[in-house]
C-alpha atoms as a PDB file:
ATOM      1  CA  MET A   1     -12.436  17.413   6.466  1.00  0.00           C
ATOM      2  CA  THR A   2     -14.329  14.162   5.701  1.00  0.00           C
ATOM      3  CA  ILE A   3     -14.517  12.482   2.418  1.00  0.00           C
ATOM      4  CA  GLU A   4     -17.901  10.607   2.043  1.00  0.00           C
ATOM      5  CA  GLY A   5     -16.660   7.212   0.748  1.00  0.00           C
ATOM      6  CA  LEU A   6     -13.257   6.894   1.565  1.00  0.00           C
ATOM      7  CA  ARG A   7     -12.068   4.098   3.634  1.00  0.00           C
ATOM      8  CA  ARG A   8      -8.863   3.544   5.893  1.00  0.00           C
ATOM      9  CA  GLY A   9      -6.191   1.515   3.367  1.00  0.00           C
ATOM     10  CA  ASP A  10      -7.851   2.847  -0.078  1.00  0.00           C
ATOM     11  CA  MET A  11      -5.198   3.953  -2.496  1.00  0.00           C
ATOM     12  CA  LEU A  12      -5.610   7.122  -4.397  1.00  0.00           C
ATOM     13  CA  LEU A  13      -3.565   6.361  -7.921  1.00  0.00           C
ATOM     14  CA  CYS A  14      -2.168   9.878  -9.124  1.00  0.00           C
ATOM     15  CA  HIS A  15      -1.627  11.590 -12.307  1.00  0.00           C
ATOM     16  CA  ASN A  16       1.109  13.749 -11.345  1.00  0.00           C
ATOM     17  CA  HIS A  17       3.594  16.139 -12.849  1.00  0.00           C
ATOM     18  CA  GLY A  18       7.482  15.971 -11.850  1.00  0.00           C
ATOM     19  CA  ALA A  19       9.938  13.926 -13.266  1.00  0.00           C
ATOM     20  CA  VAL A  20       9.523  10.481 -11.618  1.00  0.00           C
ATOM     21  CA  PRO A  21       5.797  10.346 -11.530  1.00  0.00           C
ATOM     22  CA  TRP A  22       6.202  11.327 -15.438  1.00  0.00           C
ATOM     23  CA  MET A  23       9.230   8.663 -15.652  1.00  0.00           C
ATOM     24  CA  ILE A  24       7.014   6.228 -14.455  1.00  0.00           C
ATOM     25  CA  GLN A  25       3.797   6.920 -16.428  1.00  0.00           C
ATOM     26  CA  HIS A  26       5.600   7.061 -19.506  1.00  0.00           C
ATOM     27  CA  ILE A  27       7.159   3.294 -18.896  1.00  0.00           C
ATOM     28  CA  GLU A  28       4.342   2.090 -18.068  1.00  0.00           C
ATOM     29  CA  HIS A  29       1.981   3.973 -20.355  1.00  0.00           C
ATOM     30  CA  SER A  30      -0.009   4.682 -17.615  1.00  0.00           C
ATOM     31  CA  PRO A  31      -2.131   7.861 -16.359  1.00  0.00           C
ATOM     32  CA  TRP A  32      -0.890   7.206 -12.947  1.00  0.00           C
ATOM     33  CA  GLY A  33       2.593   7.990 -11.517  1.00  0.00           C
ATOM     34  CA  HIS A  34       2.267   7.803  -7.828  1.00  0.00           C
ATOM     35  CA  VAL A  35       0.034   6.269  -5.172  1.00  0.00           C
ATOM     36  CA  ALA A  36      -1.055   7.381  -1.531  1.00  0.00           C
ATOM     37  CA  TRP A  37      -2.318   5.220   1.329  1.00  0.00           C
ATOM     38  CA  VAL A  38      -5.511   6.233   3.157  1.00  0.00           C
ATOM     39  CA  TYR A  39      -4.588   6.132   6.694  1.00  0.00           C
ATOM     40  CA  ASP A  40      -7.774   7.707   8.489  1.00  0.00           C
ATOM     41  CA  GLU A  41     -10.141  10.766   7.644  1.00  0.00           C
ATOM     42  CA  HIS A  42      -7.355  13.202   7.731  1.00  0.00           C
ATOM     43  CA  PHE A  43      -4.521  11.695   6.017  1.00  0.00           C
ATOM     44  CA  ALA A  44      -2.238   9.407   3.586  1.00  0.00           C
ATOM     45  CA  ILE A  45       0.940   7.571   3.842  1.00  0.00           C
ATOM     46  CA  GLU A  46       3.265   8.771   0.933  1.00  0.00           C
ATOM     47  CA  ALA A  47       6.967   8.554  -0.489  1.00  0.00           C
ATOM     48  CA  LEU A  48       7.722  11.723  -1.532  1.00  0.00           C
ATOM     49  CA  SER A  49      11.274  13.119  -2.729  1.00  0.00           C
ATOM     50  CA  GLN A  50      11.937  13.927   0.808  1.00  0.00           C
ATOM     51  CA  GLY A  51      10.826  10.193   2.397  1.00  0.00           C
ATOM     52  CA  VAL A  52       8.044   8.582   3.434  1.00  0.00           C
ATOM     53  CA  VAL A  53       5.852  11.228   5.069  1.00  0.00           C
ATOM     54  CA  MET A  54       1.547  11.557   6.242  1.00  0.00           C
ATOM     55  CA  SER A  55       0.090  13.870   4.080  1.00  0.00           C
ATOM     56  CA  PRO A  56      -2.943  15.886   4.637  1.00  0.00           C
ATOM     57  CA  LEU A  57      -6.096  14.656   2.603  1.00  0.00           C
ATOM     58  CA  HIS A  58      -6.904  17.771   1.525  1.00  0.00           C
ATOM     59  CA  THR A  59      -4.003  18.199  -0.767  1.00  0.00           C
ATOM     60  CA  PHE A  60      -5.164  15.661  -2.851  1.00  0.00           C
ATOM     61  CA  LYS A  61      -7.643  16.601  -5.479  1.00  0.00           C
ATOM     62  CA  LEU A  62     -10.244  13.998  -4.823  1.00  0.00           C
ATOM     63  CA  THR A  63     -12.822  15.338  -6.728  1.00  0.00           C
ATOM     64  CA  ASN A  64     -11.045  15.241 -10.141  1.00  0.00           C
ATOM     65  CA  PRO A  65     -11.063  11.840 -11.269  1.00  0.00           C
ATOM     66  CA  ASP A  66      -8.700  12.631 -14.419  1.00  0.00           C
ATOM     67  CA  ARG A  67      -5.831  13.267 -11.545  1.00  0.00           C
ATOM     68  CA  ILE A  68      -6.774  11.005  -8.615  1.00  0.00           C
ATOM     69  CA  GLN A  69      -7.937   7.531  -8.746  1.00  0.00           C
ATOM     70  CA  VAL A  70      -9.813   5.605  -5.614  1.00  0.00           C
ATOM     71  CA  VAL A  71      -8.923   1.889  -5.545  1.00  0.00           C
ATOM     72  CA  ARG A  72      -9.640  -0.557  -2.842  1.00  0.00           C
ATOM     73  CA  ILE A  73      -9.009  -4.148  -2.172  1.00  0.00           C
ATOM     74  CA  ARG A  74     -11.773  -6.241  -2.655  1.00  0.00           C
ATOM     75  CA  PRO A  75     -13.183  -8.154   0.560  1.00  0.00           C
ATOM     76  CA  GLU A  76     -12.763 -11.506  -0.892  1.00  0.00           C
ATOM     77  CA  PHE A  77      -8.506 -10.571  -1.174  1.00  0.00           C
ATOM     78  CA  ILE A  78      -8.236  -9.700   2.127  1.00  0.00           C
ATOM     79  CA  ARG A  79      -9.234  -9.456   5.955  1.00  0.00           C
ATOM     80  CA  PRO A  80     -10.239  -6.521   7.462  1.00  0.00           C
ATOM     81  CA  GLN A  81      -7.619  -7.066  10.241  1.00  0.00           C
ATOM     82  CA  HIS A  82      -5.169  -7.738   7.809  1.00  0.00           C
ATOM     83  CA  LEU A  83      -5.365  -4.443   6.040  1.00  0.00           C
ATOM     84  CA  ASP A  84      -5.891  -2.658   9.129  1.00  0.00           C
ATOM     85  CA  ALA A  85      -2.422  -3.973  10.010  1.00  0.00           C
ATOM     86  CA  ALA A  86      -0.536  -3.556   7.087  1.00  0.00           C
ATOM     87  CA  VAL A  87      -1.994   0.096   7.051  1.00  0.00           C
ATOM     88  CA  GLU A  88      -0.513   0.459  10.750  1.00  0.00           C
ATOM     89  CA  LEU A  89       2.716  -1.021   9.909  1.00  0.00           C
ATOM     90  CA  ALA A  90       3.459   1.347   6.705  1.00  0.00           C
ATOM     91  CA  ALA A  91       2.202   4.250   9.254  1.00  0.00           C
ATOM     92  CA  TYR A  92       4.651   3.514  11.702  1.00  0.00           C
ATOM     93  CA  LYS A  93       7.810   1.798  10.429  1.00  0.00           C
ATOM     94  CA  PHE A  94       7.979   3.291   7.156  1.00  0.00           C
ATOM     95  CA  VAL A  95       6.536   7.343   7.790  1.00  0.00           C
ATOM     96  CA  GLY A  96       9.976   9.108   7.925  1.00  0.00           C
ATOM     97  CA  GLU A  97      12.216   6.590   5.782  1.00  0.00           C
ATOM     98  CA  PRO A  98      14.215   8.325   3.287  1.00  0.00           C
ATOM     99  CA  TYR A  99      13.136   8.214  -0.601  1.00  0.00           C
ATOM    100  CA  ASP A 100      14.619   5.183  -2.603  1.00  0.00           C
ATOM    101  CA  TRP A 101      16.491   7.346  -4.957  1.00  0.00           C
ATOM    102  CA  ARG A 102      18.676   4.029  -5.930  1.00  0.00           C
ATOM    103  CA  LEU A 103      15.570   2.181  -6.596  1.00  0.00           C
ATOM    104  CA  ILE A 104      13.932   4.558  -9.095  1.00  0.00           C
ATOM    105  CA  ALA A 105      17.218   4.517 -10.773  1.00  0.00           C
ATOM    106  CA  GLU A 106      17.448   0.638 -10.900  1.00  0.00           C
ATOM    107  CA  LEU A 107      13.866   0.605 -12.123  1.00  0.00           C
ATOM    108  CA  GLY A 108      14.727   2.794 -15.576  1.00  0.00           C
ATOM    109  CA  LEU A 109      17.233  -0.148 -15.936  1.00  0.00           C
ATOM    110  CA  TYR A 110      15.315  -3.084 -15.378  1.00  0.00           C
ATOM    111  CA  TRP A 111      12.189  -1.676 -17.576  1.00  0.00           C
ATOM    112  CA  ALA A 112      14.933  -0.780 -20.421  1.00  0.00           C
ATOM    113  CA  CYS A 113      15.924  -4.064 -20.341  1.00  0.00           C
ATOM    114  CA  HIS A 114      12.545  -5.728 -19.823  1.00  0.00           C
ATOM    115  CA  TRP A 115      13.491  -7.436 -16.373  1.00  0.00           C
ATOM    116  CA  ARG A 116      10.843  -5.947 -14.570  1.00  0.00           C
ATOM    117  CA  HIS A 117       8.488  -8.920 -14.369  1.00  0.00           C
ATOM    118  CA  SER A 118      11.227 -11.382 -14.086  1.00  0.00           C
ATOM    119  CA  ARG A 119      13.392 -10.633 -10.852  1.00  0.00           C
ATOM    120  CA  PRO A 120      12.856  -8.778  -7.942  1.00  0.00           C
ATOM    121  CA  ILE A 121      14.726  -5.180  -7.781  1.00  0.00           C
ATOM    122  CA  ARG A 122      16.334  -4.657  -4.825  1.00  0.00           C
ATOM    123  CA  GLY A 123      16.711  -0.654  -4.388  1.00  0.00           C
ATOM    124  CA  GLY A 124      17.928   0.905  -0.627  1.00  0.00           C
ATOM    125  CA  ASP A 125      17.480  -1.233   2.442  1.00  0.00           C
ATOM    126  CA  ASN A 126      15.675   1.283   4.351  1.00  0.00           C
ATOM    127  CA  ALA A 127      14.313   3.345   1.783  1.00  0.00           C
ATOM    128  CA  LEU A 128      10.909   2.869  -0.312  1.00  0.00           C
ATOM    129  CA  ILE A 129       9.152   4.694  -3.466  1.00  0.00           C
ATOM    130  CA  CYS A 130       5.803   5.201  -3.327  1.00  0.00           C
ATOM    131  CA  SER A 131       4.257   1.496  -4.510  1.00  0.00           C
ATOM    132  CA  GLU A 132       6.668   0.013  -2.480  1.00  0.00           C
ATOM    133  CA  VAL A 133       5.314   1.311   0.738  1.00  0.00           C
ATOM    134  CA  VAL A 134       1.716  -0.403   0.202  1.00  0.00           C
ATOM    135  CA  ALA A 135       3.164  -3.529  -1.355  1.00  0.00           C
ATOM    136  CA  ARG A 136       5.270  -4.023   0.964  1.00  0.00           C
ATOM    137  CA  ALA A 137       3.209  -3.542   4.014  1.00  0.00           C
ATOM    138  CA  LEU A 138       0.541  -5.793   2.583  1.00  0.00           C
ATOM    139  CA  HIS A 139       3.253  -8.585   1.854  1.00  0.00           C
ATOM    140  CA  ASP A 140       4.968  -8.563   4.921  1.00  0.00           C
ATOM    141  CA  THR A 141       1.908  -8.282   6.978  1.00  0.00           C
ATOM    142  CA  CYS A 142      -0.094 -11.319   4.743  1.00  0.00           C
ATOM    143  CA  GLY A 143       1.540 -12.123   1.901  1.00  0.00           C
ATOM    144  CA  PHE A 144      -0.757 -10.002  -0.421  1.00  0.00           C
ATOM    145  CA  GLN A 145       0.365  -9.445  -4.162  1.00  0.00           C
ATOM    146  CA  PHE A 146      -1.625  -7.447  -6.744  1.00  0.00           C
ATOM    147  CA  ARG A 147      -0.362  -9.294  -9.485  1.00  0.00           C
ATOM    148  CA  PRO A 148       0.686 -12.911  -9.568  1.00  0.00           C
ATOM    149  CA  GLU A 149       3.187 -12.073 -12.526  1.00  0.00           C
ATOM    150  CA  VAL A 150       4.774  -9.334 -10.309  1.00  0.00           C
ATOM    151  CA  PRO A 151       6.978  -9.437  -7.639  1.00  0.00           C
ATOM    152  CA  TRP A 152       5.603  -7.357  -5.128  1.00  0.00           C
ATOM    153  CA  GLN A 153       8.982  -5.514  -4.974  1.00  0.00           C
ATOM    154  CA  ASN A 154       8.553  -4.663  -8.323  1.00  0.00           C
ATOM    155  CA  THR A 155       5.067  -3.643  -7.877  1.00  0.00           C
ATOM    156  CA  SER A 156       3.988   0.515  -9.597  1.00  0.00           C
ATOM    157  CA  PRO A 157       0.937   2.431  -9.510  1.00  0.00           C
ATOM    158  CA  SER A 158      -0.446   0.855 -13.153  1.00  0.00           C
ATOM    159  CA  ASP A 159       0.035  -3.014 -11.211  1.00  0.00           C
ATOM    160  CA  ILE A 160      -2.140  -1.937  -8.514  1.00  0.00           C
ATOM    161  CA  ALA A 161      -4.788  -0.004 -10.908  1.00  0.00           C
ATOM    162  CA  LYS A 162      -4.806  -3.088 -13.005  1.00  0.00           C
ATOM    163  CA  SER A 163      -4.850  -5.968 -10.675  1.00  0.00           C
ATOM    164  CA  GLU A 164      -8.135  -7.617 -10.675  1.00  0.00           C
ATOM    165  CA  LYS A 165      -7.857  -7.216  -6.703  1.00  0.00           C
ATOM    166  CA  VAL A 166      -8.561  -3.940  -6.664  1.00  0.00           C
ATOM    167  CA  ILE A 167     -12.299  -2.223  -7.243  1.00  0.00           C
ATOM    168  CA  LYS A 168     -12.383   1.354  -8.464  1.00  0.00           C
ATOM    169  CA  VAL A 169     -14.259   3.844  -5.936  1.00  0.00           C
ATOM    170  CA  VAL A 170     -16.773   6.544  -6.396  1.00  0.00           C
ATOM    171  CA  LEU A 171     -16.798   9.041  -3.607  1.00  0.00           C
ATOM    172  CA  GLY A 172     -19.899  10.631  -2.350  1.00  0.00           C
ATOM    173  CA  GLY A 173     -21.851   7.910  -3.788  1.00  0.00           C
END
């Protein structure tokens, strides 16, 4: 299934049900509690409770803007080859890694103590959460950061949505 207008490297900000996305949405006062990264016309990379996986794009409700918002990094902030290299890094290095439950616990503590933007959060060494898949791959590839005041390790789906470096994409148009 090809979605007209969707490109490799686009991010799918998701309003999900479930304990972790609900916690993130509540703490961030944002509708976005999850992010997936478009790999190609068939798959997206995302971190779920079972770990980092390639999920079929048809499982996302892309036609419902209340549940999914597609955003893209503005071309003036990243070279195409850097974006492509970051997506490849996520696909080949991160897929198969475990979900970072330790980081989720630390995020709760850091948000409760208002430390989130002041210091990086460590979490597990090889484990990842959804927004970390995107932020870490971009940072490791080309030093990209969504918001200068937010350490890349602490990037949330809301930070991606609020970044001046992304634009909202309307599919099919």
